[in-house]
Amino acid sequence: DDLLEVRKTKSFAYTEVSKYPAVQRDLALLLNADISYAQIRKAVTGLNIAQLQTIKLFDIFESDKLGAGKKSMAVNFTFMDSSKTLTDKEIDEMMGKIIAASEKQLGAEIRK
């Protein structure tokens, strides 16, 4: 009965599940310790990559081995196009833009 009441008072929107696969890529960034995840998000979302669906921080590593005042942040990116399957070349181009923005705006180095 409670569910029926909720249904009467709430409206629900549905979106169609894409026929095309999502692709994930990870990137480990070596950054100054004062750089935040919010700054990474801002730099990446500022690129306005339409196929970029999600950005998720999944690891922060701090150690003297990285250098004084440095930390590593590992970020996962999910790409998907609703009209086609993305090619490796297209994904590499988008990741190249993300890497370039991270290096230029945040002073990041890419950890390999």
C-alpha atoms as a PDB file:
ATOM      1  CA  ASP A   1       0.000   0.000   0.000  1.00  0.00           C
ATOM      2  CA  ASP A   2       2.849   2.386   0.792  1.00  0.00           C
ATOM      3  CA  LEU A   3       4.306   1.869  -2.673  1.00  0.00           C
ATOM      4  CA  LEU A   4       0.973   2.709  -4.273  1.00  0.00           C
ATOM      5  CA  GLU A   5       0.805   5.929  -2.280  1.00  0.00           C
ATOM      6  CA  VAL A   6       4.316   6.881  -3.361  1.00  0.00           C
ATOM      7  CA  ARG A   7       3.379   6.171  -6.976  1.00  0.00           C
ATOM      8  CA  LYS A   8       0.389   8.502  -6.715  1.00  0.00           C
ATOM      9  CA  THR A   9       2.448  11.403  -5.375  1.00  0.00           C
ATOM     10  CA  LYS A  10       5.701  11.023  -7.297  1.00  0.00           C
ATOM     11  CA  SER A  11       6.431  11.199 -10.985  1.00  0.00           C
ATOM     12  CA  PHE A  12       9.081   8.959 -12.471  1.00  0.00           C
ATOM     13  CA  ALA A  13      11.206   9.507 -15.555  1.00  0.00           C
ATOM     14  CA  TYR A  14      12.845   6.718 -17.485  1.00  0.00           C
ATOM     15  CA  THR A  15      15.739   6.864 -19.902  1.00  0.00           C
ATOM     16  CA  GLU A  16      16.464   4.233 -22.486  1.00  0.00           C
ATOM     17  CA  VAL A  17      19.522   2.077 -21.904  1.00  0.00           C
ATOM     18  CA  SER A  18      22.134   2.677 -24.591  1.00  0.00           C
ATOM     19  CA  LYS A  19      22.723   0.041 -27.247  1.00  0.00           C
ATOM     20  CA  TYR A  20      26.374   1.046 -27.331  1.00  0.00           C
ATOM     21  CA  PRO A  21      28.971   0.087 -24.730  1.00  0.00           C
ATOM     22  CA  ALA A  22      30.535   2.391 -22.203  1.00  0.00           C
ATOM     23  CA  VAL A  23      34.339   2.429 -22.090  1.00  0.00           C
ATOM     24  CA  GLN A  24      36.410   3.127 -18.992  1.00  0.00           C
ATOM     25  CA  ARG A  25      39.927   4.478 -18.731  1.00  0.00           C
ATOM     26  CA  ASP A  26      42.036   5.120 -15.629  1.00  0.00           C
ATOM     27  CA  LEU A  27      44.610   7.836 -15.178  1.00  0.00           C
ATOM     28  CA  ALA A  28      47.100   8.236 -12.318  1.00  0.00           C
ATOM     29  CA  LEU A  29      48.143  11.853 -11.834  1.00  0.00           C
ATOM     30  CA  LEU A  30      51.185  12.970  -9.844  1.00  0.00           C
ATOM     31  CA  LEU A  31      50.210  16.320  -8.350  1.00  0.00           C
ATOM     32  CA  ASN A  32      51.235  18.881  -5.789  1.00  0.00           C
ATOM     33  CA  ALA A  33      49.690  17.908  -2.453  1.00  0.00           C
ATOM     34  CA  ASP A  34      47.471  21.013  -2.387  1.00  0.00           C
ATOM     35  CA  ILE A  35      45.585  20.056  -5.584  1.00  0.00           C
ATOM     36  CA  SER A  36      42.077  18.752  -4.848  1.00  0.00           C
ATOM     37  CA  TYR A  37      39.826  16.326  -6.681  1.00  0.00           C
ATOM     38  CA  ALA A  38      37.421  19.243  -7.252  1.00  0.00           C
ATOM     39  CA  GLN A  39      40.159  20.998  -9.239  1.00  0.00           C
ATOM     40  CA  ILE A  40      40.660  17.887 -11.380  1.00  0.00           C
ATOM     41  CA  ARG A  41      36.892  17.663 -12.030  1.00  0.00           C
ATOM     42  CA  LYS A  42      36.742  21.347 -12.943  1.00  0.00           C
ATOM     43  CA  ALA A  43      39.656  21.070 -15.391  1.00  0.00           C
ATOM     44  CA  VAL A  44      38.158  17.993 -17.067  1.00  0.00           C
ATOM     45  CA  THR A  45      34.528  19.132 -17.192  1.00  0.00           C
ATOM     46  CA  GLY A  46      35.718  22.439 -18.632  1.00  0.00           C
ATOM     47  CA  LEU A  47      36.756  20.517 -21.745  1.00  0.00           C
ATOM     48  CA  ASN A  48      33.067  19.848 -22.521  1.00  0.00           C
ATOM     49  CA  ILE A  49      33.658  16.330 -23.841  1.00  0.00           C
ATOM     50  CA  ALA A  50      30.116  15.218 -24.706  1.00  0.00           C
ATOM     51  CA  GLN A  51      30.924  11.494 -24.501  1.00  0.00           C
ATOM     52  CA  LEU A  52      32.396  11.759 -20.990  1.00  0.00           C
ATOM     53  CA  GLN A  53      29.723  10.274 -18.717  1.00  0.00           C
ATOM     54  CA  THR A  54      31.425  10.012 -15.318  1.00  0.00           C
ATOM     55  CA  ILE A  55      34.589  11.034 -13.501  1.00  0.00           C
ATOM     56  CA  LYS A  56      35.440   9.124 -10.312  1.00  0.00           C
ATOM     57  CA  LEU A  57      38.349   9.388  -7.916  1.00  0.00           C
ATOM     58  CA  PHE A  58      39.309   5.885  -6.781  1.00  0.00           C
ATOM     59  CA  ASP A  59      42.701   6.234  -5.100  1.00  0.00           C
ATOM     60  CA  ILE A  60      44.910   8.758  -3.346  1.00  0.00           C
ATOM     61  CA  PHE A  61      48.488   7.757  -2.605  1.00  0.00           C
ATOM     62  CA  GLU A  62      50.926   9.824  -0.571  1.00  0.00           C
ATOM     63  CA  SER A  63      54.508   8.792   0.049  1.00  0.00           C
ATOM     64  CA  ASP A  64      57.944  10.330   0.402  1.00  0.00           C
ATOM     65  CA  LYS A  65      58.888   8.205  -2.613  1.00  0.00           C
ATOM     66  CA  LEU A  66      56.727  10.483  -4.795  1.00  0.00           C
ATOM     67  CA  GLY A  67      58.676  13.530  -3.692  1.00  0.00           C
ATOM     68  CA  ALA A  68      58.160  16.210  -1.075  1.00  0.00           C
ATOM     69  CA  GLY A  69      54.739  17.837  -1.265  1.00  0.00           C
ATOM     70  CA  LYS A  70      53.470  15.399  -3.908  1.00  0.00           C
ATOM     71  CA  LYS A  71      50.589  12.930  -4.080  1.00  0.00           C
ATOM     72  CA  SER A  72      49.105  10.607  -6.660  1.00  0.00           C
ATOM     73  CA  MET A  73      45.405  10.652  -7.477  1.00  0.00           C
ATOM     74  CA  ALA A  74      43.917   7.899  -9.633  1.00  0.00           C
ATOM     75  CA  VAL A  75      40.817   8.858 -11.578  1.00  0.00           C
ATOM     76  CA  ASN A  76      38.420   6.725 -13.630  1.00  0.00           C
ATOM     77  CA  PHE A  77      36.698   8.143 -16.709  1.00  0.00           C
ATOM     78  CA  THR A  78      33.668   6.556 -18.389  1.00  0.00           C
ATOM     79  CA  PHE A  79      32.927   7.421 -22.018  1.00  0.00           C
ATOM     80  CA  MET A  80      29.851   6.538 -24.048  1.00  0.00           C
ATOM     81  CA  ASP A  81      28.215   7.755 -27.230  1.00  0.00           C
ATOM     82  CA  SER A  82      24.474   7.148 -27.584  1.00  0.00           C
ATOM     83  CA  SER A  83      24.698   6.879 -31.375  1.00  0.00           C
ATOM     84  CA  LYS A  84      27.694   4.600 -31.968  1.00  0.00           C
ATOM     85  CA  THR A  85      30.463   2.502 -30.461  1.00  0.00           C
ATOM     86  CA  LEU A  86      33.494   4.641 -29.678  1.00  0.00           C
ATOM     87  CA  THR A  87      36.757   3.603 -31.323  1.00  0.00           C
ATOM     88  CA  ASP A  88      40.080   3.331 -29.497  1.00  0.00           C
ATOM     89  CA  LYS A  89      41.311   6.280 -31.553  1.00  0.00           C
ATOM     90  CA  GLU A  90      38.387   8.469 -30.419  1.00  0.00           C
ATOM     91  CA  ILE A  91      38.890   7.499 -26.785  1.00  0.00           C
ATOM     92  CA  ASP A  92      42.647   8.112 -27.046  1.00  0.00           C
ATOM     93  CA  GLU A  93      41.942  11.599 -28.452  1.00  0.00           C
ATOM     94  CA  MET A  94      39.612  12.411 -25.544  1.00  0.00           C
ATOM     95  CA  MET A  95      42.119  11.066 -23.023  1.00  0.00           C
ATOM     96  CA  GLY A  96      44.814  13.152 -24.726  1.00  0.00           C
ATOM     97  CA  LYS A  97      42.733  16.283 -24.102  1.00  0.00           C
ATOM     98  CA  ILE A  98      42.228  15.294 -20.465  1.00  0.00           C
ATOM     99  CA  ILE A  99      45.959  14.661 -20.012  1.00  0.00           C
ATOM    100  CA  ALA A 100      46.893  17.963 -21.683  1.00  0.00           C
ATOM    101  CA  ALA A 101      44.443  19.916 -19.495  1.00  0.00           C
ATOM    102  CA  SER A 102      45.717  18.145 -16.358  1.00  0.00           C
ATOM    103  CA  GLU A 103      49.316  18.975 -17.217  1.00  0.00           C
ATOM    104  CA  LYS A 104      48.633  22.585 -18.211  1.00  0.00           C
ATOM    105  CA  GLN A 105      46.054  23.609 -15.608  1.00  0.00           C
ATOM    106  CA  LEU A 106      47.129  21.485 -12.646  1.00  0.00           C
ATOM    107  CA  GLY A 107      50.836  20.903 -13.266  1.00  0.00           C
ATOM    108  CA  ALA A 108      50.171  17.157 -13.244  1.00  0.00           C
ATOM    109  CA  GLU A 109      52.543  14.462 -14.390  1.00  0.00           C
ATOM    110  CA  ILE A 110      51.135  11.191 -15.680  1.00  0.00           C
ATOM    111  CA  ARG A 111      52.224   8.165 -13.640  1.00  0.00           C
ATOM    112  CA  LYS A 112      52.964   5.142 -15.766  1.00  0.00           C
END
